[in-house]
């Protein structure tokens, strides 16, 4: 991978991984793994003094319409990429550790006020296609794991065993805890522990899609963001909505699928909004 690597574990997605993905397509039924995000007006989305808003809303909108008779209607969107109300993919530069971003580049060399020079989300924009496997930690319809749960390697082993699928290097995993983590930071939320990250590394997982990642309240190190992402170069798709795909997997009795990640081709960012698509 080398000292200049910006792909991280995406390097594991080779021709074999893409061929496995293609073999999963039998009916061409497809499911989005993204949550729905409703834009709010830019004038109210910045957290005015006295409000409970602690960071800008996920998507703020200005509709360029003043009541006249326009030739065309347009709007402008301000995207707060890493908001928990927006499904997004983190670049490997998103979370520095000890002043370095993956795979050991100083922050000052990687990021500038006008864009990310190393470790940006650019590689995702070329499109990512591999086999995905749903690991449902709360397999009954509508169930969720406990708020204080710390997901371990043993939990992932149990979820994988329920699928009957053999995970191969280059595959992606979608981990469902049954949670909407768009909650105030002081409220408890389950997440991965370090043994789970070691499990992802040991199985050669190429990227992680989850409705959970790091638990709240935070306890350092953050297994998902400071270890998996920052140290291993394992891209994270945060704030996914895995309810529909869990329902489809139960219905079809299939827990593997082609997974397509196609963010917009916007360069030099710490992450991008994304709508992952599973195809059966």
C-alpha atoms as a PDB file:
ATOM      1  CA  UNK A   1       0.000   0.000   0.000  1.00  0.00           C
ATOM      2  CA  UNK A   2       2.878   2.379   0.736  1.00  0.00           C
ATOM      3  CA  UNK A   3       3.414   5.674   2.545  1.00  0.00           C
ATOM      4  CA  UNK A   4       1.327   7.606   0.000  1.00  0.00           C
ATOM      5  CA  UNK A   5      -1.639   5.228   0.004  1.00  0.00           C
ATOM      6  CA  UNK A   6      -5.068   6.862  -0.007  1.00  0.00           C
ATOM      7  CA  UNK A   7      -7.223   3.807  -0.733  1.00  0.00           C
ATOM      8  CA  UNK A   8      -6.715   1.924   2.517  1.00  0.00           C
ATOM      9  CA  UNK A   9      -8.719  -1.275   2.602  1.00  0.00           C
ATOM     10  CA  UNK A  10     -10.316  -0.448  -0.754  1.00  0.00           C
ATOM     11  CA  UNK A  11      -7.106  -1.985  -2.112  1.00  0.00           C
ATOM     12  CA  UNK A  12      -8.662  -5.334  -1.164  1.00  0.00           C
ATOM     13  CA  UNK A  13     -11.440  -4.939  -3.748  1.00  0.00           C
ATOM     14  CA  UNK A  14      -9.928  -6.773  -6.697  1.00  0.00           C
ATOM     15  CA  UNK A  15     -11.381  -8.507  -9.736  1.00  0.00           C
ATOM     16  CA  UNK A  16     -12.338 -11.517  -7.613  1.00  0.00           C
ATOM     17  CA  UNK A  17     -14.285  -9.346  -5.167  1.00  0.00           C
ATOM     18  CA  UNK A  18     -16.161  -7.598  -7.986  1.00  0.00           C
ATOM     19  CA  UNK A  19     -16.887 -10.947  -9.634  1.00  0.00           C
ATOM     20  CA  UNK A  20     -18.351 -12.244  -6.360  1.00  0.00           C
ATOM     21  CA  UNK A  21     -20.516  -9.132  -6.261  1.00  0.00           C
ATOM     22  CA  UNK A  22     -21.783  -9.661  -9.797  1.00  0.00           C
ATOM     23  CA  UNK A  23     -22.658 -13.284  -8.984  1.00  0.00           C
ATOM     24  CA  UNK A  24     -24.987 -12.056  -6.223  1.00  0.00           C
ATOM     25  CA  UNK A  25     -27.337 -10.354  -8.712  1.00  0.00           C
ATOM     26  CA  UNK A  26     -30.184 -12.773  -9.393  1.00  0.00           C
ATOM     27  CA  UNK A  27     -33.415 -10.752  -9.455  1.00  0.00           C
ATOM     28  CA  UNK A  28     -31.972  -7.203  -9.731  1.00  0.00           C
ATOM     29  CA  UNK A  29     -34.082  -6.129  -6.758  1.00  0.00           C
ATOM     30  CA  UNK A  30     -32.351  -3.158  -5.158  1.00  0.00           C
ATOM     31  CA  UNK A  31     -32.492  -1.456  -1.773  1.00  0.00           C
ATOM     32  CA  UNK A  32     -31.070   1.834  -0.505  1.00  0.00           C
ATOM     33  CA  UNK A  33     -29.004   1.768   2.687  1.00  0.00           C
ATOM     34  CA  UNK A  34     -29.314   5.526   3.182  1.00  0.00           C
ATOM     35  CA  UNK A  35     -31.496   7.427   5.582  1.00  0.00           C
ATOM     36  CA  UNK A  36     -33.844  10.095   4.250  1.00  0.00           C
ATOM     37  CA  UNK A  37     -32.612  13.602   5.087  1.00  0.00           C
ATOM     38  CA  UNK A  38     -34.985  16.548   4.928  1.00  0.00           C
ATOM     39  CA  UNK A  39     -33.273  19.892   4.237  1.00  0.00           C
ATOM     40  CA  UNK A  40     -34.154  22.817   6.469  1.00  0.00           C
ATOM     41  CA  UNK A  41     -33.962  26.493   5.656  1.00  0.00           C
ATOM     42  CA  UNK A  42     -30.493  27.976   5.877  1.00  0.00           C
ATOM     43  CA  UNK A  43     -31.911  30.791   7.954  1.00  0.00           C
ATOM     44  CA  UNK A  44     -32.924  28.416  10.767  1.00  0.00           C
ATOM     45  CA  UNK A  45     -30.327  25.651  10.462  1.00  0.00           C
ATOM     46  CA  UNK A  46     -27.287  27.320  11.990  1.00  0.00           C
ATOM     47  CA  UNK A  47     -28.284  26.975  15.643  1.00  0.00           C
ATOM     48  CA  UNK A  48     -29.316  30.483  16.730  1.00  0.00           C
ATOM     49  CA  UNK A  49     -28.423  31.691  20.229  1.00  0.00           C
ATOM     50  CA  UNK A  50     -30.613  30.022  22.819  1.00  0.00           C
ATOM     51  CA  UNK A  51     -31.514  27.015  20.656  1.00  0.00           C
ATOM     52  CA  UNK A  52     -30.671  23.394  21.450  1.00  0.00           C
ATOM     53  CA  UNK A  53     -28.811  22.962  18.144  1.00  0.00           C
ATOM     54  CA  UNK A  54     -25.137  22.220  18.828  1.00  0.00           C
ATOM     55  CA  UNK A  55     -23.948  21.915  15.214  1.00  0.00           C
ATOM     56  CA  UNK A  56     -25.341  22.965  11.833  1.00  0.00           C
ATOM     57  CA  UNK A  57     -28.145  20.863  10.423  1.00  0.00           C
ATOM     58  CA  UNK A  58     -27.228  18.062   8.022  1.00  0.00           C
ATOM     59  CA  UNK A  59     -28.537  19.833   4.926  1.00  0.00           C
ATOM     60  CA  UNK A  60     -29.506  23.485   4.739  1.00  0.00           C
ATOM     61  CA  UNK A  61     -31.314  24.840   1.720  1.00  0.00           C
ATOM     62  CA  UNK A  62     -31.953  28.126  -0.038  1.00  0.00           C
ATOM     63  CA  UNK A  63     -34.549  27.916  -2.810  1.00  0.00           C
ATOM     64  CA  UNK A  64     -33.719  30.567  -5.368  1.00  0.00           C
ATOM     65  CA  UNK A  65     -37.301  31.729  -5.869  1.00  0.00           C
ATOM     66  CA  UNK A  66     -38.734  35.111  -4.987  1.00  0.00           C
ATOM     67  CA  UNK A  67     -42.245  34.711  -6.400  1.00  0.00           C
ATOM     68  CA  UNK A  68     -41.595  35.908  -9.945  1.00  0.00           C
ATOM     69  CA  UNK A  69     -41.955  33.824 -13.128  1.00  0.00           C
ATOM     70  CA  UNK A  70     -38.595  32.061 -13.447  1.00  0.00           C
ATOM     71  CA  UNK A  71     -37.273  30.327 -16.535  1.00  0.00           C
ATOM     72  CA  UNK A  72     -36.030  27.553 -14.241  1.00  0.00           C
ATOM     73  CA  UNK A  73     -36.109  26.817 -10.524  1.00  0.00           C
ATOM     74  CA  UNK A  74     -32.842  26.238  -8.649  1.00  0.00           C
ATOM     75  CA  UNK A  75     -31.729  25.819  -5.069  1.00  0.00           C
ATOM     76  CA  UNK A  76     -28.463  25.914  -3.143  1.00  0.00           C
ATOM     77  CA  UNK A  77     -27.587  23.283  -0.546  1.00  0.00           C
ATOM     78  CA  UNK A  78     -25.116  23.590   2.326  1.00  0.00           C
ATOM     79  CA  UNK A  79     -24.039  20.056   3.306  1.00  0.00           C
ATOM     80  CA  UNK A  80     -22.733  19.390   6.822  1.00  0.00           C
ATOM     81  CA  UNK A  81     -21.176  16.112   5.767  1.00  0.00           C
ATOM     82  CA  UNK A  82     -20.461  14.426   9.097  1.00  0.00           C
ATOM     83  CA  UNK A  83     -23.819  15.141  10.706  1.00  0.00           C
ATOM     84  CA  UNK A  84     -25.492  12.013  12.101  1.00  0.00           C
ATOM     85  CA  UNK A  85     -28.687  12.930  10.242  1.00  0.00           C
ATOM     86  CA  UNK A  86     -26.950  12.335   6.891  1.00  0.00           C
ATOM     87  CA  UNK A  87     -25.657   9.046   5.494  1.00  0.00           C
ATOM     88  CA  UNK A  88     -22.061   9.761   4.501  1.00  0.00           C
ATOM     89  CA  UNK A  89     -18.707   8.112   3.866  1.00  0.00           C
ATOM     90  CA  UNK A  90     -15.669   9.233   5.878  1.00  0.00           C
ATOM     91  CA  UNK A  91     -12.408   9.752   4.030  1.00  0.00           C
ATOM     92  CA  UNK A  92      -9.253   8.390   5.645  1.00  0.00           C
ATOM     93  CA  UNK A  93      -8.242  11.986   6.515  1.00  0.00           C
ATOM     94  CA  UNK A  94     -11.402  12.584   8.544  1.00  0.00           C
ATOM     95  CA  UNK A  95      -9.994  11.555  11.924  1.00  0.00           C
ATOM     96  CA  UNK A  96      -6.352  12.424  12.704  1.00  0.00           C
ATOM     97  CA  UNK A  97      -4.598  10.526  15.497  1.00  0.00           C
ATOM     98  CA  UNK A  98      -1.505  11.981  17.176  1.00  0.00           C
ATOM     99  CA  UNK A  99      -1.341  14.642  14.469  1.00  0.00           C
ATOM    100  CA  UNK A 100      -1.286  12.098  11.628  1.00  0.00           C
ATOM    101  CA  UNK A 101      -3.799  10.859   9.085  1.00  0.00           C
ATOM    102  CA  UNK A 102      -3.668   7.468   7.385  1.00  0.00           C
ATOM    103  CA  UNK A 103      -1.145   6.009   6.695  1.00  0.00           C
ATOM    104  CA  UNK A 104       1.026   8.373   8.787  1.00  0.00           C
ATOM    105  CA  UNK A 105       0.914  11.702   6.954  1.00  0.00           C
ATOM    106  CA  UNK A 106       1.113  14.871   9.110  1.00  0.00           C
ATOM    107  CA  UNK A 107      -2.159  16.768   9.209  1.00  0.00           C
ATOM    108  CA  UNK A 108      -0.429  19.942   8.016  1.00  0.00           C
ATOM    109  CA  UNK A 109       0.700  18.118   4.866  1.00  0.00           C
ATOM    110  CA  UNK A 110      -2.651  16.426   4.283  1.00  0.00           C
ATOM    111  CA  UNK A 111      -5.214  19.165   4.859  1.00  0.00           C
ATOM    112  CA  UNK A 112      -5.378  22.866   4.009  1.00  0.00           C
ATOM    113  CA  UNK A 113      -8.122  25.450   4.576  1.00  0.00           C
ATOM    114  CA  UNK A 114      -9.000  25.149   0.881  1.00  0.00           C
ATOM    115  CA  UNK A 115      -9.178  21.366   0.612  1.00  0.00           C
ATOM    116  CA  UNK A 116      -7.750  17.965   1.467  1.00  0.00           C
ATOM    117  CA  UNK A 117      -4.538  17.109  -0.379  1.00  0.00           C
ATOM    118  CA  UNK A 118      -3.994  13.600   1.011  1.00  0.00           C
ATOM    119  CA  UNK A 119      -6.591  11.124   2.206  1.00  0.00           C
ATOM    120  CA  UNK A 120      -9.609  12.858   0.693  1.00  0.00           C
ATOM    121  CA  UNK A 121     -12.810  11.135  -0.375  1.00  0.00           C
ATOM    122  CA  UNK A 122     -11.758  11.377  -4.046  1.00  0.00           C
ATOM    123  CA  UNK A 123     -11.168   7.597  -4.481  1.00  0.00           C
ATOM    124  CA  UNK A 124     -14.778   6.806  -3.523  1.00  0.00           C
ATOM    125  CA  UNK A 125     -16.064   8.994  -6.341  1.00  0.00           C
ATOM    126  CA  UNK A 126     -14.767   6.560  -8.938  1.00  0.00           C
ATOM    127  CA  UNK A 127     -17.380   4.147  -7.584  1.00  0.00           C
ATOM    128  CA  UNK A 128     -16.982   1.175  -5.277  1.00  0.00           C
ATOM    129  CA  UNK A 129     -18.495  -2.182  -6.220  1.00  0.00           C
ATOM    130  CA  UNK A 130     -18.056  -5.299  -4.121  1.00  0.00           C
ATOM    131  CA  UNK A 131     -20.024  -7.992  -2.343  1.00  0.00           C
ATOM    132  CA  UNK A 132     -21.795  -6.875   0.810  1.00  0.00           C
ATOM    133  CA  UNK A 133     -22.920  -9.024   3.739  1.00  0.00           C
ATOM    134  CA  UNK A 134     -25.528  -7.933   6.281  1.00  0.00           C
ATOM    135  CA  UNK A 135     -24.549  -8.690   9.869  1.00  0.00           C
ATOM    136  CA  UNK A 136     -27.742  -8.182  11.844  1.00  0.00           C
ATOM    137  CA  UNK A 137     -27.000  -7.957  15.568  1.00  0.00           C
ATOM    138  CA  UNK A 138     -30.723  -7.812  16.421  1.00  0.00           C
ATOM    139  CA  UNK A 139     -32.194 -10.238  13.864  1.00  0.00           C
ATOM    140  CA  UNK A 140     -35.839 -10.088  14.895  1.00  0.00           C
ATOM    141  CA  UNK A 141     -37.894  -7.529  12.964  1.00  0.00           C
ATOM    142  CA  UNK A 142     -37.814  -4.144  14.687  1.00  0.00           C
ATOM    143  CA  UNK A 143     -35.398  -5.263  17.401  1.00  0.00           C
ATOM    144  CA  UNK A 144     -32.336  -3.315  18.521  1.00  0.00           C
ATOM    145  CA  UNK A 145     -29.323  -4.027  20.689  1.00  0.00           C
ATOM    146  CA  UNK A 146     -29.065  -2.415  24.116  1.00  0.00           C
ATOM    147  CA  UNK A 147     -27.993   1.220  24.395  1.00  0.00           C
ATOM    148  CA  UNK A 148     -24.976   0.264  26.464  1.00  0.00           C
ATOM    149  CA  UNK A 149     -23.882  -2.623  24.238  1.00  0.00           C
ATOM    150  CA  UNK A 150     -20.278  -2.838  23.064  1.00  0.00           C
ATOM    151  CA  UNK A 151     -20.231  -4.984  19.943  1.00  0.00           C
ATOM    152  CA  UNK A 152     -17.418  -7.514  20.113  1.00  0.00           C
ATOM    153  CA  UNK A 153     -15.741  -9.956  17.752  1.00  0.00           C
ATOM    154  CA  UNK A 154     -17.914 -12.693  19.255  1.00  0.00           C
ATOM    155  CA  UNK A 155     -21.056 -10.723  18.370  1.00  0.00           C
ATOM    156  CA  UNK A 156     -19.886 -10.356  14.766  1.00  0.00           C
ATOM    157  CA  UNK A 157     -18.996 -14.054  14.617  1.00  0.00           C
ATOM    158  CA  UNK A 158     -22.506 -14.950  15.786  1.00  0.00           C
ATOM    159  CA  UNK A 159     -24.137 -12.606  13.262  1.00  0.00           C
ATOM    160  CA  UNK A 160     -21.997 -13.984  10.426  1.00  0.00           C
ATOM    161  CA  UNK A 161     -22.798 -17.564  11.416  1.00  0.00           C
ATOM    162  CA  UNK A 162     -26.519 -16.770  11.178  1.00  0.00           C
ATOM    163  CA  UNK A 163     -26.066 -15.713   7.543  1.00  0.00           C
ATOM    164  CA  UNK A 164     -24.398 -18.924   6.428  1.00  0.00           C
ATOM    165  CA  UNK A 165     -22.053 -16.771   4.300  1.00  0.00           C
ATOM    166  CA  UNK A 166     -18.287 -17.168   4.151  1.00  0.00           C
ATOM    167  CA  UNK A 167     -16.756 -13.679   4.298  1.00  0.00           C
ATOM    168  CA  UNK A 168     -13.913 -13.152   1.819  1.00  0.00           C
ATOM    169  CA  UNK A 169     -11.199 -10.454   1.676  1.00  0.00           C
ATOM    170  CA  UNK A 170     -12.544  -7.426  -0.174  1.00  0.00           C
ATOM    171  CA  UNK A 171     -16.139  -7.936   0.951  1.00  0.00           C
ATOM    172  CA  UNK A 172     -17.970  -5.119   2.725  1.00  0.00           C
ATOM    173  CA  UNK A 173     -20.135  -5.530   5.796  1.00  0.00           C
ATOM    174  CA  UNK A 174     -23.333  -3.739   6.737  1.00  0.00           C
ATOM    175  CA  UNK A 175     -23.724  -3.938  10.518  1.00  0.00           C
ATOM    176  CA  UNK A 176     -27.222  -3.399  11.872  1.00  0.00           C
ATOM    177  CA  UNK A 177     -27.792  -2.636  15.538  1.00  0.00           C
ATOM    178  CA  UNK A 178     -31.324  -1.345  14.936  1.00  0.00           C
ATOM    179  CA  UNK A 179     -30.432   2.236  15.900  1.00  0.00           C
ATOM    180  CA  UNK A 180     -30.964   5.762  14.652  1.00  0.00           C
ATOM    181  CA  UNK A 181     -27.883   7.413  16.169  1.00  0.00           C
ATOM    182  CA  UNK A 182     -28.978  10.969  15.367  1.00  0.00           C
ATOM    183  CA  UNK A 183     -29.269  11.707  19.077  1.00  0.00           C
ATOM    184  CA  UNK A 184     -27.775  14.265  21.482  1.00  0.00           C
ATOM    185  CA  UNK A 185     -24.184  13.340  22.264  1.00  0.00           C
ATOM    186  CA  UNK A 186     -24.906  12.745  25.960  1.00  0.00           C
ATOM    187  CA  UNK A 187     -27.487  10.029  25.241  1.00  0.00           C
ATOM    188  CA  UNK A 188     -26.146   6.454  25.298  1.00  0.00           C
ATOM    189  CA  UNK A 189     -25.654   4.745  21.928  1.00  0.00           C
ATOM    190  CA  UNK A 190     -24.093   1.303  21.319  1.00  0.00           C
ATOM    191  CA  UNK A 191     -20.956   0.830  19.242  1.00  0.00           C
ATOM    192  CA  UNK A 192     -18.001  -1.353  18.319  1.00  0.00           C
ATOM    193  CA  UNK A 193     -15.206  -2.320  20.663  1.00  0.00           C
ATOM    194  CA  UNK A 194     -11.584  -2.914  19.678  1.00  0.00           C
ATOM    195  CA  UNK A 195     -12.065  -6.657  19.279  1.00  0.00           C
ATOM    196  CA  UNK A 196     -14.694  -5.959  16.616  1.00  0.00           C
ATOM    197  CA  UNK A 197     -12.228  -3.786  14.693  1.00  0.00           C
ATOM    198  CA  UNK A 198      -9.627  -6.559  14.899  1.00  0.00           C
ATOM    199  CA  UNK A 199     -12.302  -8.904  13.530  1.00  0.00           C
ATOM    200  CA  UNK A 200     -12.930  -6.589  10.555  1.00  0.00           C
ATOM    201  CA  UNK A 201      -9.190  -6.451   9.873  1.00  0.00           C
ATOM    202  CA  UNK A 202      -8.742 -10.205  10.232  1.00  0.00           C
ATOM    203  CA  UNK A 203     -11.527 -10.866   7.703  1.00  0.00           C
ATOM    204  CA  UNK A 204     -10.178  -8.375   5.174  1.00  0.00           C
ATOM    205  CA  UNK A 205     -13.304  -6.188   5.193  1.00  0.00           C
ATOM    206  CA  UNK A 206     -12.996  -3.463   2.552  1.00  0.00           C
ATOM    207  CA  UNK A 207     -15.477  -0.991   3.977  1.00  0.00           C
ATOM    208  CA  UNK A 208     -17.981  -0.728   6.779  1.00  0.00           C
ATOM    209  CA  UNK A 209     -21.599   0.424   6.529  1.00  0.00           C
ATOM    210  CA  UNK A 210     -23.380   0.794   9.841  1.00  0.00           C
ATOM    211  CA  UNK A 211     -26.285   2.239  11.734  1.00  0.00           C
ATOM    212  CA  UNK A 212     -23.849   2.127  14.664  1.00  0.00           C
ATOM    213  CA  UNK A 213     -20.117   2.869  14.828  1.00  0.00           C
ATOM    214  CA  UNK A 214     -18.544   4.383  17.956  1.00  0.00           C
ATOM    215  CA  UNK A 215     -20.560   4.336  21.170  1.00  0.00           C
ATOM    216  CA  UNK A 216     -21.815   7.380  23.063  1.00  0.00           C
ATOM    217  CA  UNK A 217     -20.683   8.728  25.406  1.00  0.00           C
ATOM    218  CA  UNK A 218     -17.233   8.632  23.805  1.00  0.00           C
ATOM    219  CA  UNK A 219     -14.391   6.692  25.397  1.00  0.00           C
ATOM    220  CA  UNK A 220     -10.962   6.911  23.768  1.00  0.00           C
ATOM    221  CA  UNK A 221      -9.709   5.373  21.626  1.00  0.00           C
ATOM    222  CA  UNK A 222     -12.692   5.421  19.281  1.00  0.00           C
ATOM    223  CA  UNK A 223     -12.552   1.912  17.851  1.00  0.00           C
ATOM    224  CA  UNK A 224     -14.301   2.718  14.567  1.00  0.00           C
ATOM    225  CA  UNK A 225     -12.956   6.193  13.787  1.00  0.00           C
ATOM    226  CA  UNK A 226      -9.541   6.315  15.475  1.00  0.00           C
ATOM    227  CA  UNK A 227      -8.498   2.720  14.851  1.00  0.00           C
ATOM    228  CA  UNK A 228     -10.412   1.223  11.908  1.00  0.00           C
ATOM    229  CA  UNK A 229     -10.508   4.437   9.860  1.00  0.00           C
ATOM    230  CA  UNK A 230      -7.426   6.351  10.975  1.00  0.00           C
ATOM    231  CA  UNK A 231      -4.989   3.490  11.562  1.00  0.00           C
ATOM    232  CA  UNK A 232      -6.216   0.709   9.244  1.00  0.00           C
ATOM    233  CA  UNK A 233      -7.587   2.889   6.447  1.00  0.00           C
ATOM    234  CA  UNK A 234     -10.993   1.175   6.627  1.00  0.00           C
ATOM    235  CA  UNK A 235     -13.584   3.609   5.181  1.00  0.00           C
ATOM    236  CA  UNK A 236     -16.760   4.034   7.193  1.00  0.00           C
ATOM    237  CA  UNK A 237     -20.246   4.743   5.918  1.00  0.00           C
ATOM    238  CA  UNK A 238     -21.864   6.413   8.911  1.00  0.00           C
ATOM    239  CA  UNK A 239     -25.541   6.928   9.761  1.00  0.00           C
ATOM    240  CA  UNK A 240     -26.869   4.260   7.409  1.00  0.00           C
ATOM    241  CA  UNK A 241     -30.466   3.080   7.557  1.00  0.00           C
ATOM    242  CA  UNK A 242     -30.463  -0.712   7.460  1.00  0.00           C
ATOM    243  CA  UNK A 243     -34.104  -1.401   8.293  1.00  0.00           C
ATOM    244  CA  UNK A 244     -35.278  -1.988   4.724  1.00  0.00           C
ATOM    245  CA  UNK A 245     -32.361  -4.181   3.752  1.00  0.00           C
ATOM    246  CA  UNK A 246     -32.812  -6.249   6.917  1.00  0.00           C
ATOM    247  CA  UNK A 247     -36.449  -6.788   5.971  1.00  0.00           C
ATOM    248  CA  UNK A 248     -35.522  -7.784   2.414  1.00  0.00           C
ATOM    249  CA  UNK A 249     -32.800 -10.150   3.613  1.00  0.00           C
ATOM    250  CA  UNK A 250     -35.265 -11.882   5.931  1.00  0.00           C
ATOM    251  CA  UNK A 251     -37.825 -12.096   3.146  1.00  0.00           C
ATOM    252  CA  UNK A 252     -35.360 -13.539   0.605  1.00  0.00           C
ATOM    253  CA  UNK A 253     -33.410 -15.531   3.199  1.00  0.00           C
ATOM    254  CA  UNK A 254     -30.276 -14.052   1.625  1.00  0.00           C
ATOM    255  CA  UNK A 255     -27.768 -11.947   3.524  1.00  0.00           C
ATOM    256  CA  UNK A 256     -25.265 -11.203   0.746  1.00  0.00           C
ATOM    257  CA  UNK A 257     -25.670  -8.890  -2.246  1.00  0.00           C
ATOM    258  CA  UNK A 258     -23.866  -6.611  -4.659  1.00  0.00           C
ATOM    259  CA  UNK A 259     -23.091  -3.350  -2.872  1.00  0.00           C
ATOM    260  CA  UNK A 260     -22.563  -0.184  -4.889  1.00  0.00           C
ATOM    261  CA  UNK A 261     -21.167   3.026  -3.426  1.00  0.00           C
ATOM    262  CA  UNK A 262     -21.305   6.025  -5.778  1.00  0.00           C
ATOM    263  CA  UNK A 263     -20.730   9.404  -4.095  1.00  0.00           C
ATOM    264  CA  UNK A 264     -20.618  12.613  -6.145  1.00  0.00           C
ATOM    265  CA  UNK A 265     -17.320  13.456  -7.864  1.00  0.00           C
ATOM    266  CA  UNK A 266     -16.443  16.384  -5.622  1.00  0.00           C
ATOM    267  CA  UNK A 267     -12.732  16.587  -4.869  1.00  0.00           C
ATOM    268  CA  UNK A 268     -10.668  17.438  -1.797  1.00  0.00           C
ATOM    269  CA  UNK A 269     -13.197  16.581   0.931  1.00  0.00           C
ATOM    270  CA  UNK A 270     -13.085  14.846   4.332  1.00  0.00           C
ATOM    271  CA  UNK A 271     -16.137  12.819   3.329  1.00  0.00           C
ATOM    272  CA  UNK A 272     -19.127  12.820   1.025  1.00  0.00           C
ATOM    273  CA  UNK A 273     -22.820  12.183   1.279  1.00  0.00           C
ATOM    274  CA  UNK A 274     -23.644   8.804  -0.197  1.00  0.00           C
ATOM    275  CA  UNK A 275     -26.563   6.544  -1.043  1.00  0.00           C
ATOM    276  CA  UNK A 276     -25.301   2.927  -0.879  1.00  0.00           C
ATOM    277  CA  UNK A 277     -27.343   0.532  -3.004  1.00  0.00           C
ATOM    278  CA  UNK A 278     -27.672  -3.213  -2.418  1.00  0.00           C
ATOM    279  CA  UNK A 279     -28.645  -5.310  -5.452  1.00  0.00           C
ATOM    280  CA  UNK A 280     -29.936  -8.867  -5.064  1.00  0.00           C
END
